[in-house]
Amino acid sequence: MSQALATINTAAPVISRERALKILSKSLYRDLRQNGYEPKQIVAVASELISLVTSDIKEDAQLV
């Protein structure tokens, strides 16, 4: 029984973080749209974020 509780407890932060990321994404999208950014410009922001994360991952891989 305690093992099942441990599984639930470790899964909860992951779910909370995923939910927080979804909320953050929606909030950022709404803010950008309300400030006059067009969908094409928002895609450019998303692409830049992906590029930055990709660079970060590559740097981490080189350290290993």
PDB file of N, CA and C in Angstrom:
ATOM      1  N   MET A   1       0.819  -1.196   0.000  1.00  0.00           N
ATOM      2  CA  MET A   1       0.000   0.000   0.000  1.00  0.00           C
ATOM      3  C   MET A   1       0.859   1.255   0.000  1.00  0.00           C
ATOM      4  N   SER A   2       1.909   1.297   0.829  1.00  0.00           N
ATOM      5  CA  SER A   2       2.759   2.489   0.876  1.00  0.00           C
ATOM      6  C   SER A   2       3.505   2.684  -0.436  1.00  0.00           C
ATOM      7  N   GLN A   3       3.799   1.605  -1.120  1.00  0.00           N
ATOM      8  CA  GLN A   3       4.450   1.712  -2.424  1.00  0.00           C
ATOM      9  C   GLN A   3       3.523   2.404  -3.425  1.00  0.00           C
ATOM     10  N   ALA A   4       2.249   2.086  -3.385  1.00  0.00           N
ATOM     11  CA  ALA A   4       1.271   2.738  -4.267  1.00  0.00           C
ATOM     12  C   ALA A   4       1.188   4.224  -3.938  1.00  0.00           C
ATOM     13  N   LEU A   5       1.205   4.579  -2.677  1.00  0.00           N
ATOM     14  CA  LEU A   5       1.178   5.989  -2.284  1.00  0.00           C
ATOM     15  C   LEU A   5       2.424   6.713  -2.762  1.00  0.00           C
ATOM     16  N   ALA A   6       3.562   6.059  -2.681  1.00  0.00           N
ATOM     17  CA  ALA A   6       4.802   6.676  -3.156  1.00  0.00           C
ATOM     18  C   ALA A   6       4.718   6.956  -4.645  1.00  0.00           C
ATOM     19  N   THR A   7       4.124   6.040  -5.386  1.00  0.00           N
ATOM     20  CA  THR A   7       3.962   6.235  -6.824  1.00  0.00           C
ATOM     21  C   THR A   7       3.058   7.429  -7.092  1.00  0.00           C
ATOM     22  N   ILE A   8       1.980   7.537  -6.361  1.00  0.00           N
ATOM     23  CA  ILE A   8       1.063   8.659  -6.533  1.00  0.00           C
ATOM     24  C   ILE A   8       1.761   9.969  -6.197  1.00  0.00           C
ATOM     25  N   ASN A   9       2.498   9.989  -5.104  1.00  0.00           N
ATOM     26  CA  ASN A   9       3.181  11.208  -4.680  1.00  0.00           C
ATOM     27  C   ASN A   9       4.244  11.659  -5.674  1.00  0.00           C
ATOM     28  N   THR A  10       4.963  10.743  -6.276  1.00  0.00           N
ATOM     29  CA  THR A  10       5.990  11.145  -7.236  1.00  0.00           C
ATOM     30  C   THR A  10       5.374  11.559  -8.560  1.00  0.00           C
ATOM     31  N   ALA A  11       4.206  11.033  -8.888  1.00  0.00           N
ATOM     32  CA  ALA A  11       3.552  11.396 -10.147  1.00  0.00           C
ATOM     33  C   ALA A  11       2.877  12.764 -10.050  1.00  0.00           C
ATOM     34  N   ALA A  12       2.445  13.135  -8.860  1.00  0.00           N
ATOM     35  CA  ALA A  12       1.719  14.396  -8.688  1.00  0.00           C
ATOM     36  C   ALA A  12       2.515  15.616  -9.134  1.00  0.00           C
ATOM     37  N   PRO A  13       3.797  15.754  -8.759  1.00  0.00           N
ATOM     38  CA  PRO A  13       4.531  16.940  -9.220  1.00  0.00           C
ATOM     39  C   PRO A  13       4.665  17.017 -10.735  1.00  0.00           C
ATOM     40  N   VAL A  14       4.795  15.885 -11.389  1.00  0.00           N
ATOM     41  CA  VAL A  14       4.900  15.868 -12.851  1.00  0.00           C
ATOM     42  C   VAL A  14       3.607  16.393 -13.461  1.00  0.00           C
ATOM     43  N   ILE A  15       2.482  15.913 -12.956  1.00  0.00           N
ATOM     44  CA  ILE A  15       1.193  16.365 -13.468  1.00  0.00           C
ATOM     45  C   ILE A  15       1.023  17.857 -13.212  1.00  0.00           C
ATOM     46  N   SER A  16       1.389  18.315 -12.037  1.00  0.00           N
ATOM     47  CA  SER A  16       1.282  19.737 -11.701  1.00  0.00           C
ATOM     48  C   SER A  16       2.166  20.577 -12.614  1.00  0.00           C
ATOM     49  N   ARG A  17       3.369  20.113 -12.889  1.00  0.00           N
ATOM     50  CA  ARG A  17       4.280  20.846 -13.764  1.00  0.00           C
ATOM     51  C   ARG A  17       3.742  20.888 -15.188  1.00  0.00           C
ATOM     52  N   GLU A  18       3.210  19.763 -15.658  1.00  0.00           N
ATOM     53  CA  GLU A  18       2.626  19.730 -17.008  1.00  0.00           C
ATOM     54  C   GLU A  18       1.445  20.689 -17.102  1.00  0.00           C
ATOM     55  N   ARG A  19       0.623  20.714 -16.063  1.00  0.00           N
ATOM     56  CA  ARG A  19      -0.529  21.622 -16.048  1.00  0.00           C
ATOM     57  C   ARG A  19      -0.059  23.072 -16.017  1.00  0.00           C
ATOM     58  N   ALA A  20       0.967  23.341 -15.219  1.00  0.00           N
ATOM     59  CA  ALA A  20       1.505  24.701 -15.136  1.00  0.00           C
ATOM     60  C   ALA A  20       2.053  25.155 -16.488  1.00  0.00           C
ATOM     61  N   LEU A  21       2.729  24.262 -17.200  1.00  0.00           N
ATOM     62  CA  LEU A  21       3.264  24.602 -18.517  1.00  0.00           C
ATOM     63  C   LEU A  21       2.144  24.896 -19.508  1.00  0.00           C
ATOM     64  N   LYS A  22       1.059  24.127 -19.421  1.00  0.00           N
ATOM     65  CA  LYS A  22      -0.075  24.354 -20.302  1.00  0.00           C
ATOM     66  C   LYS A  22      -0.714  25.717 -20.014  1.00  0.00           C
ATOM     67  N   ILE A  23      -0.863  26.038 -18.734  1.00  0.00           N
ATOM     68  CA  ILE A  23      -1.432  27.330 -18.336  1.00  0.00           C
ATOM     69  C   ILE A  23      -0.529  28.468 -18.786  1.00  0.00           C
ATOM     70  N   LEU A  24       0.777  28.303 -18.584  1.00  0.00           N
ATOM     71  CA  LEU A  24       1.738  29.326 -18.997  1.00  0.00           C
ATOM     72  C   LEU A  24       1.675  29.554 -20.509  1.00  0.00           C
ATOM     73  N   SER A  25       1.606  28.472 -21.262  1.00  0.00           N
ATOM     74  CA  SER A  25       1.544  28.576 -22.721  1.00  0.00           C
ATOM     75  C   SER A  25       0.294  29.320 -23.181  1.00  0.00           C
ATOM     76  N   LYS A  26      -0.838  28.964 -22.597  1.00  0.00           N
ATOM     77  CA  LYS A  26      -2.085  29.630 -22.961  1.00  0.00           C
ATOM     78  C   LYS A  26      -2.042  31.112 -22.600  1.00  0.00           C
ATOM     79  N   SER A  27      -1.494  31.402 -21.439  1.00  0.00           N
ATOM     80  CA  SER A  27      -1.391  32.787 -20.982  1.00  0.00           C
ATOM     81  C   SER A  27      -0.490  33.605 -21.899  1.00  0.00           C
ATOM     82  N   LEU A  28       0.653  33.036 -22.254  1.00  0.00           N
ATOM     83  CA  LEU A  28       1.580  33.721 -23.157  1.00  0.00           C
ATOM     84  C   LEU A  28       0.924  33.965 -24.510  1.00  0.00           C
ATOM     85  N   TYR A  29       0.239  32.948 -25.028  1.00  0.00           N
ATOM     86  CA  TYR A  29      -0.448  33.077 -26.310  1.00  0.00           C
ATOM     87  C   TYR A  29      -1.486  34.202 -26.256  1.00  0.00           C
ATOM     88  N   ARG A  30      -2.318  34.185 -25.215  1.00  0.00           N
ATOM     89  CA  ARG A  30      -3.346  35.230 -25.080  1.00  0.00           C
ATOM     90  C   ARG A  30      -2.722  36.617 -24.979  1.00  0.00           C
ATOM     91  N   ASP A  31      -1.668  36.736 -24.192  1.00  0.00           N
ATOM     92  CA  ASP A  31      -0.993  38.033 -24.042  1.00  0.00           C
ATOM     93  C   ASP A  31      -0.431  38.524 -25.374  1.00  0.00           C
ATOM     94  N   LEU A  32       0.201  37.639 -26.116  1.00  0.00           N
ATOM     95  CA  LEU A  32       0.749  38.028 -27.411  1.00  0.00           C
ATOM     96  C   LEU A  32      -0.353  38.469 -28.367  1.00  0.00           C
ATOM     97  N   ARG A  33      -1.441  37.700 -28.405  1.00  0.00           N
ATOM     98  CA  ARG A  33      -2.562  38.064 -29.292  1.00  0.00           C
ATOM     99  C   ARG A  33      -3.180  39.396 -28.883  1.00  0.00           C
ATOM    100  N   GLN A  34      -3.359  39.617 -27.586  1.00  0.00           N
ATOM    101  CA  GLN A  34      -3.951  40.863 -27.092  1.00  0.00           C
ATOM    102  C   GLN A  34      -3.052  42.062 -27.370  1.00  0.00           C
ATOM    103  N   ASN A  35      -1.764  41.807 -27.527  1.00  0.00           N
ATOM    104  CA  ASN A  35      -0.821  42.885 -27.815  1.00  0.00           C
ATOM    105  C   ASN A  35      -0.544  43.037 -29.309  1.00  0.00           C
ATOM    106  N   GLY A  36      -1.391  42.427 -30.128  1.00  0.00           N
ATOM    107  CA  GLY A  36      -1.328  42.657 -31.559  1.00  0.00           C
ATOM    108  C   GLY A  36      -0.458  41.724 -32.369  1.00  0.00           C
ATOM    109  N   TYR A  37       0.102  40.702 -31.740  1.00  0.00           N
ATOM    110  CA  TYR A  37       0.917  39.759 -32.503  1.00  0.00           C
ATOM    111  C   TYR A  37       0.012  38.846 -33.307  1.00  0.00           C
ATOM    112  N   GLU A  38       0.410  38.584 -34.532  1.00  0.00           N
ATOM    113  CA  GLU A  38      -0.349  37.699 -35.407  1.00  0.00           C
ATOM    114  C   GLU A  38       0.148  36.266 -35.240  1.00  0.00           C
ATOM    115  N   PRO A  39      -0.690  35.298 -35.605  1.00  0.00           N
ATOM    116  CA  PRO A  39      -0.291  33.898 -35.446  1.00  0.00           C
ATOM    117  C   PRO A  39       1.084  33.580 -36.047  1.00  0.00           C
ATOM    118  N   LYS A  40       1.384  34.151 -37.195  1.00  0.00           N
ATOM    119  CA  LYS A  40       2.683  33.899 -37.842  1.00  0.00           C
ATOM    120  C   LYS A  40       3.837  34.377 -36.942  1.00  0.00           C
ATOM    121  N   GLN A  41       3.646  35.494 -36.271  1.00  0.00           N
ATOM    122  CA  GLN A  41       4.676  36.021 -35.378  1.00  0.00           C
ATOM    123  C   GLN A  41       4.808  35.152 -34.124  1.00  0.00           C
ATOM    124  N   ILE A  42       3.699  34.614 -33.669  1.00  0.00           N
ATOM    125  CA  ILE A  42       3.736  33.739 -32.495  1.00  0.00           C
ATOM    126  C   ILE A  42       4.456  32.441 -32.840  1.00  0.00           C
ATOM    127  N   VAL A  43       4.252  31.956 -34.052  1.00  0.00           N
ATOM    128  CA  VAL A  43       4.987  30.762 -34.503  1.00  0.00           C
ATOM    129  C   VAL A  43       6.487  31.061 -34.528  1.00  0.00           C
ATOM    130  N   ALA A  44       6.860  32.278 -34.926  1.00  0.00           N
ATOM    131  CA  ALA A  44       8.277  32.661 -34.935  1.00  0.00           C
ATOM    132  C   ALA A  44       8.851  32.645 -33.512  1.00  0.00           C
ATOM    133  N   VAL A  45       8.071  33.102 -32.546  1.00  0.00           N
ATOM    134  CA  VAL A  45       8.512  33.066 -31.138  1.00  0.00           C
ATOM    135  C   VAL A  45       8.690  31.620 -30.691  1.00  0.00           C
ATOM    136  N   ALA A  46       7.711  30.774 -31.020  1.00  0.00           N
ATOM    137  CA  ALA A  46       7.791  29.365 -30.649  1.00  0.00           C
ATOM    138  C   ALA A  46       9.013  28.696 -31.295  1.00  0.00           C
ATOM    139  N   SER A  47       9.280  29.032 -32.541  1.00  0.00           N
ATOM    140  CA  SER A  47      10.444  28.476 -33.239  1.00  0.00           C
ATOM    141  C   SER A  47      11.745  28.903 -32.572  1.00  0.00           C
ATOM    142  N   GLU A  48      11.800  30.146 -32.150  1.00  0.00           N
ATOM    143  CA  GLU A  48      12.997  30.643 -31.463  1.00  0.00           C
ATOM    144  C   GLU A  48      13.187  29.925 -30.129  1.00  0.00           C
ATOM    145  N   LEU A  49      12.106  29.701 -29.401  1.00  0.00           N
ATOM    146  CA  LEU A  49      12.192  28.950 -28.142  1.00  0.00           C
ATOM    147  C   LEU A  49      12.708  27.543 -28.390  1.00  0.00           C
ATOM    148  N   ILE A  50      12.192  26.888 -29.425  1.00  0.00           N
ATOM    149  CA  ILE A  50      12.648  25.538 -29.759  1.00  0.00           C
ATOM    150  C   ILE A  50      14.122  25.546 -30.121  1.00  0.00           C
ATOM    151  N   SER A  51      14.554  26.553 -30.844  1.00  0.00           N
ATOM    152  CA  SER A  51      15.963  26.676 -31.214  1.00  0.00           C
ATOM    153  C   SER A  51      16.849  26.821 -29.977  1.00  0.00           C
ATOM    154  N   LEU A  52      16.413  27.634 -29.041  1.00  0.00           N
ATOM    155  CA  LEU A  52      17.189  27.830 -27.813  1.00  0.00           C
ATOM    156  C   LEU A  52      17.278  26.545 -26.989  1.00  0.00           C
ATOM    157  N   VAL A  53      16.173  25.834 -26.887  1.00  0.00           N
ATOM    158  CA  VAL A  53      16.167  24.570 -26.148  1.00  0.00           C
ATOM    159  C   VAL A  53      17.053  23.544 -26.843  1.00  0.00           C
ATOM    160  N   THR A  54      16.987  23.495 -28.163  1.00  0.00           N
ATOM    161  CA  THR A  54      17.812  22.561 -28.942  1.00  0.00           C
ATOM    162  C   THR A  54      19.295  22.842 -28.708  1.00  0.00           C
ATOM    163  N   SER A  55      19.667  24.108 -28.711  1.00  0.00           N
ATOM    164  CA  SER A  55      21.067  24.477 -28.448  1.00  0.00           C
ATOM    165  C   SER A  55      21.495  24.052 -27.060  1.00  0.00           C
ATOM    166  N   ASP A  56      20.601  24.234 -26.096  1.00  0.00           N
ATOM    167  CA  ASP A  56      20.869  23.851 -24.721  1.00  0.00           C
ATOM    168  C   ASP A  56      21.092  22.334 -24.620  1.00  0.00           C
ATOM    169  N   ILE A  57      20.242  21.575 -25.286  1.00  0.00           N
ATOM    170  CA  ILE A  57      20.360  20.114 -25.255  1.00  0.00           C
ATOM    171  C   ILE A  57      21.671  19.668 -25.891  1.00  0.00           C
ATOM    172  N   LYS A  58      22.044  20.300 -26.998  1.00  0.00           N
ATOM    173  CA  LYS A  58      23.305  19.956 -27.674  1.00  0.00           C
ATOM    174  C   LYS A  58      24.494  20.232 -26.764  1.00  0.00           C
ATOM    175  N   GLU A  59      24.469  21.364 -26.069  1.00  0.00           N
ATOM    176  CA  GLU A  59      25.558  21.707 -25.154  1.00  0.00           C
ATOM    177  C   GLU A  59      25.649  20.682 -24.025  1.00  0.00           C
ATOM    178  N   ASP A  60      24.492  20.275 -23.488  1.00  0.00           N
ATOM    179  CA  ASP A  60      24.485  19.285 -22.426  1.00  0.00           C
ATOM    180  C   ASP A  60      25.032  17.949 -22.921  1.00  0.00           C
ATOM    181  N   ALA A  61      24.704  17.573 -24.149  1.00  0.00           N
ATOM    182  CA  ALA A  61      25.165  16.306 -24.718  1.00  0.00           C
ATOM    183  C   ALA A  61      26.686  16.312 -24.911  1.00  0.00           C
ATOM    184  N   GLN A  62      27.243  17.457 -25.211  1.00  0.00           N
ATOM    185  CA  GLN A  62      28.687  17.548 -25.418  1.00  0.00           C
ATOM    186  C   GLN A  62      29.452  17.413 -24.101  1.00  0.00           C
ATOM    187  N   LEU A  63      28.800  17.745 -23.001  1.00  0.00           N
ATOM    188  CA  LEU A  63      29.441  17.648 -21.695  1.00  0.00           C
ATOM    189  C   LEU A  63      29.520  16.214 -21.205  1.00  0.00           C
ATOM    190  N   VAL A  64      28.702  15.348 -21.771  1.00  0.00           N
ATOM    191  CA  VAL A  64      28.640  13.951 -21.312  1.00  0.00           C
ATOM    192  C   VAL A  64      29.671  13.116 -21.989  1.00  0.00           C
TER     193      VAL A  64
END
